[in-house]
Amino acid sequence: MWIVNIEKECDKPIIRYAVKTFIYHLGVLPLNSDLYLNVGEVIENNYSGICINFLNSDCDISEFENKIDVNIDFLNDIGDFLSLKYEEGAQLDSFGRVRFSVLSEKIQKKLSESFIDIKIDEIREKIVRVCAKNEVEILSNRPWDKKTIVLSHDVDDLFGKSILRYLYWSLKQPGRFKNNLKRIQWWLEQKEDPYFSPIKMSEIEGEFGFKSTFYFMAKSAYLTFDEGRRYNVQSNKVKRLIREIEAKGWEVGFHPSRETFYSSKKLRQEFYSLKKASNSIIGARRHYLKGTFPEIWRELQDIDMAYDTSVGWPDRFGSRVGTNRPFRAFDYKEDLEMTIYEFPLTFMDGTLKYESDQQYVKDYLSIEKELMNSGCLSFLWHTDRFCNEIFNPSWMYIYTEILKSWHANGYRVISSKELIDEYRTHEEKFEIKFNNETWKD
């Protein structure tokens, strides 16, 4: 058991939330003796238990014979960053999103380093060593201790062979008339629509033993005012596709349109529309990553979503909250812990500058080395980027090369649901007693 003592002036819901998240991400489970975590308390020198102390101190992390002292600012940071309270008041772009560029240099530096993961792993190394010295048996394993890629796809489009697209290229891009004619010809020559790609993507992933999640939009018409040309989730063809994906063992999730951010009613309408094709949807990612937090979490929790994966940057890769690992959400405006989980988005295909096919693969693999320091990485590849269209990057080649590298590195590649389920099970192993009150999730 972890026994947690919090000084009265420090005992707030967000601090308790930060403590629990810290313990889960630390992943150290005592077997034959209790471990202690103290917030704002000074422990006497003759204290015999093994403990971690969060104190007002000039020192960042200090290791002693039977204790580790950590600056209490780190606990405050866990609460502020994971709840995205730190973004409060930040300038929003035209899609209602916070961009990395509007943040202070200090915050940018922290996020660029995934500072929560790095510091927790440093403390973990020390507490494991202290437990070994004091002959305290522990279990020390976490879902991301084996390098893990959580692979997903936003299904923004399914029908590239479209008269509307051909007309747009012809009328709106007159300066590229000759190239557009060749482009239209290329599309007309395709026997199968290259954008209707989920089954083919899942087959290639399956060859490597991988699984993934497909997040479907739920518009009820092919052409809509708010989203333009998409697809009708109620069509028999799309319903069959969704059921085939699930029958193969891949996950289907919810991809709410931009319009739903302004209307809970529309969010519910889209969700229940998608449920007519699938009854197993437990997770979502917002289209365009549009919206603010905790509002996104509240609305998804209200329709019984188990997790969200919208916390990411629209224009860069890397962490938005200081961790690349899953965590339970916290509503800082209502000052309460939520039931919905968040798994932050780390990398999206459109955030990496394209120079050539080979260079894109090389640049991504270079970035991946740093991002994988957290042990897990959320990777988004859109389904309409799975063809080698004329005058465009060879996206199919690029994607397949990345899959090959994961297989060669021995990474496990799983769906969002699989990691969230593992993290829930991980949480359930821990028993925590706050100020003499036993708390069990």
Protein backbone atom coordinates (compact mmCIF):
# COMPACT_ATOMS: atom_id res chain seq x y z
CA MET A 1 0.00 0.00 0.00
CA TRP A 2 1.00 3.61 -0.58
CA ILE A 3 0.28 5.73 2.50
CA VAL A 4 -0.10 9.40 1.61
CA ASN A 5 0.04 12.23 4.13
CA ILE A 6 -0.84 15.73 2.94
CA GLU A 7 -0.46 18.81 5.07
CA LYS A 8 -3.81 20.57 5.57
CA GLU A 9 -2.96 23.70 3.59
CA CYS A 10 -1.83 21.54 0.63
CA ASP A 11 -4.79 19.14 0.67
CA LYS A 12 -6.75 20.03 -2.46
CA PRO A 13 -8.51 17.80 -5.04
CA ILE A 14 -5.98 18.64 -7.76
CA ILE A 15 -3.07 17.72 -5.42
CA ARG A 16 -4.66 14.37 -4.58
CA TYR A 17 -5.19 13.82 -8.32
CA ALA A 18 -1.55 14.68 -9.02
CA VAL A 19 -0.38 12.31 -6.28
CA LYS A 20 -2.40 9.39 -7.65
CA THR A 21 -1.26 10.03 -11.21
CA PHE A 22 2.34 10.27 -10.00
CA ILE A 23 2.06 6.90 -8.21
CA TYR A 24 0.48 5.21 -11.24
CA HIS A 25 3.12 6.57 -13.62
CA LEU A 26 5.88 5.72 -11.15
CA GLY A 27 4.64 2.15 -11.31
CA VAL A 28 6.26 0.93 -8.09
CA LEU A 29 4.00 -1.47 -6.19
CA PRO A 30 5.14 -2.47 -2.67
CA LEU A 31 4.70 -6.15 -1.73
CA ASN A 32 6.03 -6.77 1.78
CA SER A 33 6.02 -3.25 3.24
CA ASP A 34 4.15 0.04 2.86
CA LEU A 35 5.64 2.94 0.97
CA TYR A 36 4.97 6.53 2.05
CA LEU A 37 4.39 9.74 0.16
CA ASN A 38 4.28 13.00 2.08
CA VAL A 39 3.25 16.40 0.79
CA GLY A 40 4.34 19.48 2.69
CA GLU A 41 5.48 17.51 5.74
CA VAL A 42 8.96 17.38 7.23
CA ILE A 43 9.87 13.84 8.28
CA GLU A 44 11.95 13.30 11.40
CA ASN A 45 15.47 11.88 10.93
CA ASN A 46 14.60 8.68 12.78
CA TYR A 47 11.64 7.93 10.50
CA SER A 48 12.12 4.31 9.39
CA GLY A 49 9.72 3.99 6.44
CA ILE A 50 10.74 4.42 2.81
CA CYS A 51 9.15 7.59 1.54
CA ILE A 52 8.97 10.26 -1.13
CA ASN A 53 8.59 13.77 0.25
CA PHE A 54 7.26 16.70 -1.78
CA LEU A 55 8.64 19.74 0.00
CA ASN A 56 9.25 23.42 -0.44
CA SER A 57 12.93 23.08 -1.21
CA ASP A 58 15.68 24.66 -3.28
CA CYS A 59 16.71 21.19 -4.41
CA ASP A 60 14.92 19.52 -7.33
CA ILE A 61 15.41 15.83 -6.37
CA SER A 62 17.57 14.45 -3.55
CA GLU A 63 18.17 10.81 -2.61
CA PHE A 64 18.93 9.64 0.95
CA GLU A 65 19.21 6.32 2.75
CA ASN A 66 15.48 5.69 3.02
CA LYS A 67 13.83 8.69 1.37
CA ILE A 68 13.69 10.87 -1.71
CA ASP A 69 12.93 14.57 -1.45
CA VAL A 70 11.29 16.29 -4.42
CA ASN A 71 10.46 19.95 -4.89
CA ILE A 72 6.69 20.37 -4.43
CA ASP A 73 6.53 22.49 -7.59
CA PHE A 74 6.67 19.25 -9.59
CA LEU A 75 3.44 18.01 -8.01
CA ASN A 76 1.79 21.34 -8.82
CA ASP A 77 3.04 21.05 -12.41
CA ILE A 78 1.51 17.57 -12.79
CA GLY A 79 -1.88 19.00 -11.86
CA ASP A 80 -1.61 22.17 -13.92
CA PHE A 81 -0.25 20.56 -17.09
CA LEU A 82 -2.31 17.35 -17.20
CA SER A 83 -5.52 19.33 -16.63
CA LEU A 84 -4.32 21.93 -19.19
CA LYS A 85 -4.95 24.64 -16.62
CA TYR A 86 -1.68 26.16 -17.78
CA GLU A 87 -3.39 27.04 -21.10
CA GLU A 88 -6.10 29.10 -19.40
CA GLY A 89 -6.28 32.54 -21.04
CA ALA A 90 -3.99 31.57 -23.93
CA GLN A 91 -4.75 32.98 -27.37
CA LEU A 92 -6.82 30.65 -29.57
CA ASP A 93 -6.52 30.25 -33.32
CA SER A 94 -9.45 30.36 -35.76
CA PHE A 95 -10.32 26.74 -34.92
CA GLY A 96 -10.48 27.37 -31.18
CA ARG A 97 -7.12 25.70 -30.47
CA VAL A 98 -4.06 26.70 -28.47
CA ARG A 99 -0.90 26.65 -30.54
CA PHE A 100 2.59 25.99 -29.21
CA SER A 101 3.89 29.31 -30.55
CA VAL A 102 1.71 31.43 -28.19
CA LEU A 103 3.17 29.83 -25.05
CA SER A 104 6.01 31.30 -23.00
CA GLU A 105 9.57 30.10 -23.63
CA LYS A 106 9.64 28.50 -20.19
CA ILE A 107 6.57 26.38 -20.91
CA GLN A 108 7.78 25.55 -24.43
CA LYS A 109 11.04 24.22 -22.99
CA LYS A 110 9.24 22.00 -20.47
CA LEU A 111 6.90 20.55 -23.08
CA SER A 112 9.66 19.98 -25.62
CA GLU A 113 11.36 17.71 -23.07
CA SER A 114 8.23 15.75 -21.98
CA PHE A 115 9.35 16.89 -18.55
CA ILE A 116 6.81 14.93 -16.49
CA ASP A 117 7.89 11.60 -17.98
CA ILE A 118 11.58 12.39 -17.61
CA LYS A 119 11.31 13.47 -13.97
CA ILE A 120 9.04 10.59 -12.93
CA ASP A 121 11.46 8.11 -14.49
CA GLU A 122 14.36 9.74 -12.62
CA ILE A 123 12.46 9.43 -9.32
CA ARG A 124 11.47 5.87 -10.21
CA GLU A 125 15.10 4.88 -10.69
CA LYS A 126 15.93 6.29 -7.25
CA ILE A 127 13.01 4.70 -5.38
CA VAL A 128 13.77 1.29 -6.91
CA ARG A 129 17.35 1.65 -5.73
CA VAL A 130 16.29 2.75 -2.20
CA CYS A 131 13.85 -0.18 -1.95
CA ALA A 132 16.58 -2.62 -2.97
CA LYS A 133 18.96 -1.22 -0.31
CA ASN A 134 16.30 -1.59 2.36
CA GLU A 135 15.16 -5.05 1.17
CA VAL A 136 11.64 -3.88 0.34
CA GLU A 137 10.07 -6.11 -2.30
CA ILE A 138 8.32 -4.32 -5.13
CA LEU A 139 6.68 -4.98 -8.46
CA SER A 140 7.89 -2.49 -11.01
CA ASN A 141 6.18 -2.72 -14.37
CA ARG A 142 4.05 -0.35 -16.45
CA PRO A 143 2.16 -0.72 -19.74
CA TRP A 144 4.81 1.30 -21.59
CA ASP A 145 7.88 -0.45 -20.22
CA LYS A 146 7.91 -2.40 -23.49
CA LYS A 147 8.25 0.19 -26.23
CA THR A 148 4.74 0.79 -27.55
CA ILE A 149 3.29 2.59 -30.56
CA VAL A 150 -0.43 3.33 -30.35
CA LEU A 151 -1.46 3.54 -33.99
CA SER A 152 -4.57 5.36 -35.18
CA HIS A 153 -6.21 6.80 -38.28
CA ASP A 154 -8.67 9.66 -38.68
CA VAL A 155 -11.11 8.72 -41.44
CA ASP A 156 -11.75 12.21 -42.85
CA ASP A 157 -12.50 11.05 -46.36
CA LEU A 158 -13.39 7.78 -48.07
CA PHE A 159 -14.25 8.81 -51.62
CA GLY A 160 -11.51 10.49 -53.63
CA LYS A 161 -13.10 9.64 -57.00
CA SER A 162 -15.47 12.58 -57.09
CA ILE A 163 -16.86 14.82 -59.84
CA LEU A 164 -16.88 17.66 -57.30
CA ARG A 165 -13.14 17.33 -56.78
CA TYR A 166 -12.47 17.23 -60.51
CA LEU A 167 -14.54 20.38 -61.02
CA TYR A 168 -12.75 22.13 -58.18
CA TRP A 169 -9.32 21.35 -59.61
CA SER A 170 -10.43 22.51 -63.08
CA LEU A 171 -12.17 25.74 -62.07
CA LYS A 172 -10.40 26.89 -58.91
CA GLN A 173 -6.83 26.12 -59.98
CA PRO A 174 -6.63 27.37 -63.59
CA GLY A 175 -2.88 27.97 -63.31
CA ARG A 176 -2.35 24.23 -62.93
CA PHE A 177 -4.73 23.20 -65.70
CA LYS A 178 -2.39 20.73 -67.50
CA ASN A 179 -1.28 19.06 -64.30
CA ASN A 180 -4.86 18.89 -63.06
CA LEU A 181 -5.94 17.14 -66.25
CA LYS A 182 -3.24 14.52 -65.64
CA ARG A 183 -4.33 14.30 -62.03
CA ILE A 184 -7.99 13.76 -63.01
CA GLN A 185 -6.91 11.15 -65.54
CA TRP A 186 -4.92 9.34 -62.85
CA TRP A 187 -7.98 9.18 -60.58
CA LEU A 188 -10.25 8.02 -63.39
CA GLU A 189 -7.83 5.19 -64.17
CA GLN A 190 -7.96 3.78 -60.63
CA LYS A 191 -10.17 0.69 -60.52
CA GLU A 192 -10.69 1.07 -56.77
CA ASP A 193 -10.98 4.36 -54.89
CA PRO A 194 -7.57 4.94 -53.21
CA TYR A 195 -9.25 6.81 -50.36
CA PHE A 196 -11.41 3.81 -49.45
CA SER A 197 -8.34 2.45 -47.74
CA PRO A 198 -9.05 1.19 -44.17
CA ILE A 199 -9.24 -2.51 -45.09
CA LYS A 200 -6.03 -2.37 -47.11
CA MET A 201 -4.30 -0.47 -44.30
CA SER A 202 -5.42 -3.04 -41.73
CA GLU A 203 -4.21 -5.90 -43.94
CA ILE A 204 -0.72 -4.38 -44.22
CA GLU A 205 -0.62 -3.68 -40.48
CA GLY A 206 -1.75 -7.24 -39.81
CA GLU A 207 1.19 -8.61 -41.79
CA PHE A 208 3.45 -7.16 -39.09
CA GLY A 209 1.21 -8.32 -36.23
CA PHE A 210 0.02 -4.77 -35.58
CA LYS A 211 -3.43 -3.38 -34.66
CA SER A 212 -4.82 0.16 -34.85
CA THR A 213 -7.88 2.38 -34.33
CA PHE A 214 -9.96 4.03 -37.07
CA TYR A 215 -11.81 7.18 -35.95
CA PHE A 216 -14.88 7.66 -38.17
CA MET A 217 -16.79 10.87 -38.74
CA ALA A 218 -20.55 10.56 -38.43
CA LYS A 219 -22.06 12.97 -40.92
CA SER A 220 -25.36 11.86 -42.40
CA ALA A 221 -24.72 13.21 -45.90
CA TYR A 222 -21.93 13.12 -48.48
CA LEU A 223 -21.88 16.93 -48.78
CA THR A 224 -22.48 19.15 -45.75
CA PHE A 225 -22.32 22.89 -45.16
CA ASP A 226 -19.95 22.75 -42.19
CA GLU A 227 -17.55 20.03 -43.36
CA GLY A 228 -17.84 20.11 -47.15
CA ARG A 229 -17.34 16.79 -48.95
CA ARG A 230 -17.11 13.87 -46.49
CA TYR A 231 -19.15 10.63 -46.45
CA ASN A 232 -22.48 9.38 -45.19
CA VAL A 233 -21.92 7.06 -42.23
CA GLN A 234 -25.47 5.75 -42.70
CA SER A 235 -24.74 4.41 -46.18
CA ASN A 236 -24.65 0.63 -46.45
CA LYS A 237 -21.15 0.73 -47.92
CA VAL A 238 -19.71 2.64 -44.96
CA LYS A 239 -21.61 0.52 -42.43
CA ARG A 240 -20.22 -2.66 -44.02
CA LEU A 241 -16.72 -1.17 -43.87
CA ILE A 242 -17.02 -0.39 -40.17
CA ARG A 243 -18.33 -3.86 -39.36
CA GLU A 244 -15.59 -5.51 -41.40
CA ILE A 245 -12.89 -3.52 -39.58
CA GLU A 246 -14.27 -4.59 -36.20
CA ALA A 247 -14.68 -8.21 -37.30
CA LYS A 248 -10.95 -8.27 -38.12
CA GLY A 249 -10.13 -7.15 -34.54
CA TRP A 250 -9.34 -3.50 -35.22
CA GLU A 251 -10.95 -0.72 -33.15
CA VAL A 252 -13.47 1.82 -34.45
CA GLY A 253 -13.67 5.19 -32.68
CA PHE A 254 -15.61 8.45 -32.96
CA HIS A 255 -14.31 11.51 -34.86
CA PRO A 256 -16.69 14.40 -34.01
CA SER A 257 -16.95 17.16 -36.61
CA ARG A 258 -15.85 20.74 -35.97
CA GLU A 259 -19.48 21.82 -35.59
CA THR A 260 -19.99 19.63 -32.50
CA PHE A 261 -17.73 21.84 -30.41
CA TYR A 262 -20.45 24.49 -30.43
CA SER A 263 -23.35 22.11 -29.88
CA SER A 264 -23.70 19.22 -27.45
CA LYS A 265 -26.86 18.29 -29.30
CA LYS A 266 -24.97 17.82 -32.58
CA LEU A 267 -22.29 15.82 -30.76
CA ARG A 268 -24.94 13.43 -29.48
CA GLN A 269 -26.61 13.23 -32.88
CA GLU A 270 -23.35 12.28 -34.58
CA PHE A 271 -22.41 9.79 -31.88
CA TYR A 272 -25.75 7.99 -31.98
CA SER A 273 -25.60 8.00 -35.77
CA LEU A 274 -22.23 6.21 -35.62
CA LYS A 275 -23.56 3.78 -33.00
CA LYS A 276 -26.03 2.47 -35.60
CA ALA A 277 -23.00 0.99 -37.36
CA SER A 278 -21.06 0.01 -34.23
CA ASN A 279 -22.02 -0.59 -30.59
CA SER A 280 -18.43 -0.91 -29.35
CA ILE A 281 -17.23 2.70 -29.56
CA ILE A 282 -15.49 3.86 -26.39
CA GLY A 283 -13.04 6.53 -27.60
CA ALA A 284 -12.88 9.72 -29.64
CA ARG A 285 -10.62 12.27 -31.27
CA ARG A 286 -11.90 15.72 -32.27
CA HIS A 287 -11.68 16.69 -35.94
CA TYR A 288 -8.95 19.33 -36.43
CA LEU A 289 -8.20 18.77 -32.70
CA LYS A 290 -10.70 21.58 -32.32
CA GLY A 291 -11.74 22.83 -28.91
CA THR A 292 -10.54 23.54 -25.39
CA PHE A 293 -10.25 21.58 -22.18
CA PRO A 294 -11.90 20.57 -19.89
CA GLU A 295 -14.93 21.25 -22.14
CA ILE A 296 -14.00 18.49 -24.61
CA TRP A 297 -13.63 15.96 -21.79
CA ARG A 298 -16.94 16.96 -20.20
CA GLU A 299 -18.93 16.50 -23.40
CA LEU A 300 -17.31 13.18 -24.27
CA GLN A 301 -17.74 11.89 -20.73
CA ASP A 302 -21.43 12.82 -20.92
CA ILE A 303 -21.89 10.41 -23.85
CA ASP A 304 -20.01 7.68 -21.94
CA MET A 305 -16.72 7.82 -23.82
CA ALA A 306 -14.02 5.96 -21.90
CA TYR A 307 -11.16 7.96 -23.41
CA ASP A 308 -10.19 10.91 -25.59
CA THR A 309 -7.08 11.39 -27.70
CA SER A 310 -7.43 15.02 -28.82
CA VAL A 311 -4.68 16.54 -26.67
CA GLY A 312 -2.05 17.25 -29.27
CA TRP A 313 -0.63 20.02 -31.42
CA PRO A 314 -2.17 20.77 -34.83
CA ASP A 315 1.11 22.07 -36.24
CA ARG A 316 3.96 20.22 -34.49
CA PHE A 317 4.85 16.88 -32.95
CA GLY A 318 5.58 16.24 -29.29
CA SER A 319 3.81 16.56 -25.96
CA ARG A 320 1.16 19.15 -25.12
CA VAL A 321 0.93 18.19 -21.44
CA GLY A 322 4.44 17.07 -20.49
CA THR A 323 3.69 13.36 -20.87
CA ASN A 324 3.15 10.96 -23.76
CA ARG A 325 1.50 8.44 -21.43
CA PRO A 326 -2.22 7.90 -20.65
CA PHE A 327 -3.81 9.52 -17.62
CA ARG A 328 -7.22 10.22 -16.15
CA ALA A 329 -8.58 13.70 -16.89
CA PHE A 330 -9.11 16.42 -14.28
CA ASP A 331 -11.63 19.27 -14.59
CA TYR A 332 -9.79 22.20 -13.04
CA LYS A 333 -12.81 24.51 -13.43
CA GLU A 334 -15.04 22.21 -11.37
CA ASP A 335 -12.09 21.01 -9.25
CA LEU A 336 -12.82 17.32 -9.68
CA GLU A 337 -11.30 14.18 -11.13
CA MET A 338 -13.15 12.77 -14.14
CA THR A 339 -13.86 9.22 -15.25
CA ILE A 340 -12.64 9.77 -18.82
CA TYR A 341 -9.03 9.02 -19.71
CA GLU A 342 -6.76 10.98 -22.02
CA PHE A 343 -4.07 9.52 -24.23
CA PRO A 344 -2.17 12.47 -25.73
CA LEU A 345 -1.51 12.63 -29.47
CA THR A 346 2.25 12.74 -30.07
CA PHE A 347 2.70 12.63 -33.84
CA MET A 348 0.44 13.43 -36.80
CA ASP A 349 1.44 12.89 -40.43
CA GLY A 350 0.82 16.51 -41.44
CA THR A 351 3.09 18.05 -38.78
CA LEU A 352 6.35 16.93 -40.38
CA LYS A 353 7.69 18.95 -43.30
CA TYR A 354 7.88 16.99 -46.55
CA GLU A 355 10.96 17.28 -48.79
CA SER A 356 11.10 13.82 -50.36
CA ASP A 357 9.79 10.34 -49.60
CA GLN A 358 13.11 9.08 -48.24
CA GLN A 359 13.79 12.28 -46.29
CA TYR A 360 10.36 12.16 -44.64
CA VAL A 361 11.01 8.62 -43.38
CA LYS A 362 14.51 9.61 -42.21
CA ASP A 363 13.24 12.73 -40.41
CA TYR A 364 10.42 10.85 -38.71
CA LEU A 365 12.69 8.08 -37.43
CA SER A 366 15.06 10.70 -36.04
CA ILE A 367 12.18 12.38 -34.18
CA GLU A 368 10.85 9.03 -32.99
CA LYS A 369 14.05 8.26 -31.05
CA GLU A 370 13.42 11.26 -28.80
CA LEU A 371 9.67 10.82 -28.53
CA MET A 372 10.03 7.16 -27.52
CA ASN A 373 11.96 8.12 -24.38
CA SER A 374 8.51 8.08 -22.74
CA GLY A 375 8.05 4.44 -23.69
CA CYS A 376 4.91 5.01 -25.73
CA LEU A 377 3.90 7.20 -28.62
CA SER A 378 0.51 8.02 -30.16
CA PHE A 379 0.87 8.02 -33.95
CA LEU A 380 -1.83 9.35 -36.30
CA TRP A 381 -1.84 8.59 -40.01
CA HIS A 382 -4.88 9.75 -42.01
CA THR A 383 -6.56 7.18 -44.24
CA ASP A 384 -6.54 9.54 -47.24
CA ARG A 385 -2.74 9.52 -47.05
CA PHE A 386 -2.46 5.97 -48.20
CA CYS A 387 -1.98 6.24 -51.94
CA ASN A 388 0.83 7.22 -54.28
CA GLU A 389 -1.18 9.88 -56.09
CA ILE A 390 0.43 11.62 -59.06
CA PHE A 391 2.13 14.96 -58.18
CA ASN A 392 1.91 14.08 -54.47
CA PRO A 393 4.19 12.31 -51.98
CA SER A 394 4.24 8.51 -52.11
CA TRP A 395 2.35 8.25 -48.83
CA MET A 396 1.77 4.51 -49.10
CA TYR A 397 5.50 3.92 -49.48
CA ILE A 398 6.32 6.26 -46.57
CA TYR A 399 3.78 4.64 -44.25
CA THR A 400 4.91 1.12 -45.08
CA GLU A 401 8.55 2.03 -44.47
CA ILE A 402 7.65 3.35 -41.02
CA LEU A 403 5.79 0.12 -40.21
CA LYS A 404 8.86 -1.88 -41.28
CA SER A 405 11.07 0.13 -38.93
CA TRP A 406 8.73 -0.53 -35.98
CA HIS A 407 8.78 -4.25 -36.71
CA ALA A 408 12.57 -4.24 -36.97
CA ASN A 409 12.85 -2.41 -33.62
CA GLY A 410 10.60 -4.93 -31.89
CA TYR A 411 7.98 -2.35 -30.92
CA ARG A 412 4.53 -3.56 -30.08
CA VAL A 413 1.91 -1.64 -32.08
CA ILE A 414 -1.61 -1.61 -30.63
CA SER A 415 -4.94 0.23 -30.70
CA SER A 416 -5.90 3.06 -28.35
CA LYS A 417 -8.42 0.82 -26.57
CA GLU A 418 -5.75 -1.77 -25.82
CA LEU A 419 -3.49 0.74 -24.06
CA ILE A 420 -6.36 2.35 -22.13
CA ASP A 421 -7.50 -1.10 -20.95
CA GLU A 422 -3.95 -1.92 -19.86
CA TYR A 423 -3.64 1.37 -17.99
CA ARG A 424 -6.94 0.82 -16.18
CA THR A 425 -5.76 -2.63 -15.08
CA HIS A 426 -2.47 -1.07 -13.99
CA GLU A 427 -4.32 1.48 -11.81
CA GLU A 428 -6.38 -1.25 -10.15
CA LYS A 429 -3.24 -2.87 -8.72
CA PHE A 430 -2.61 0.08 -6.41
CA GLU A 431 -4.14 0.74 -3.01
CA ILE A 432 -3.65 4.25 -1.68
CA LYS A 433 -4.48 5.59 1.79
CA PHE A 434 -4.86 9.37 2.04
CA ASN A 435 -4.48 10.86 5.54
CA ASN A 436 -5.63 7.57 7.08
CA GLU A 437 -8.50 7.23 4.58
CA THR A 438 -8.15 4.20 2.27
CA TRP A 439 -8.75 5.07 -1.36
CA LYS A 440 -9.11 2.34 -3.97
CA ASP A 441 -10.03 3.09 -7.58
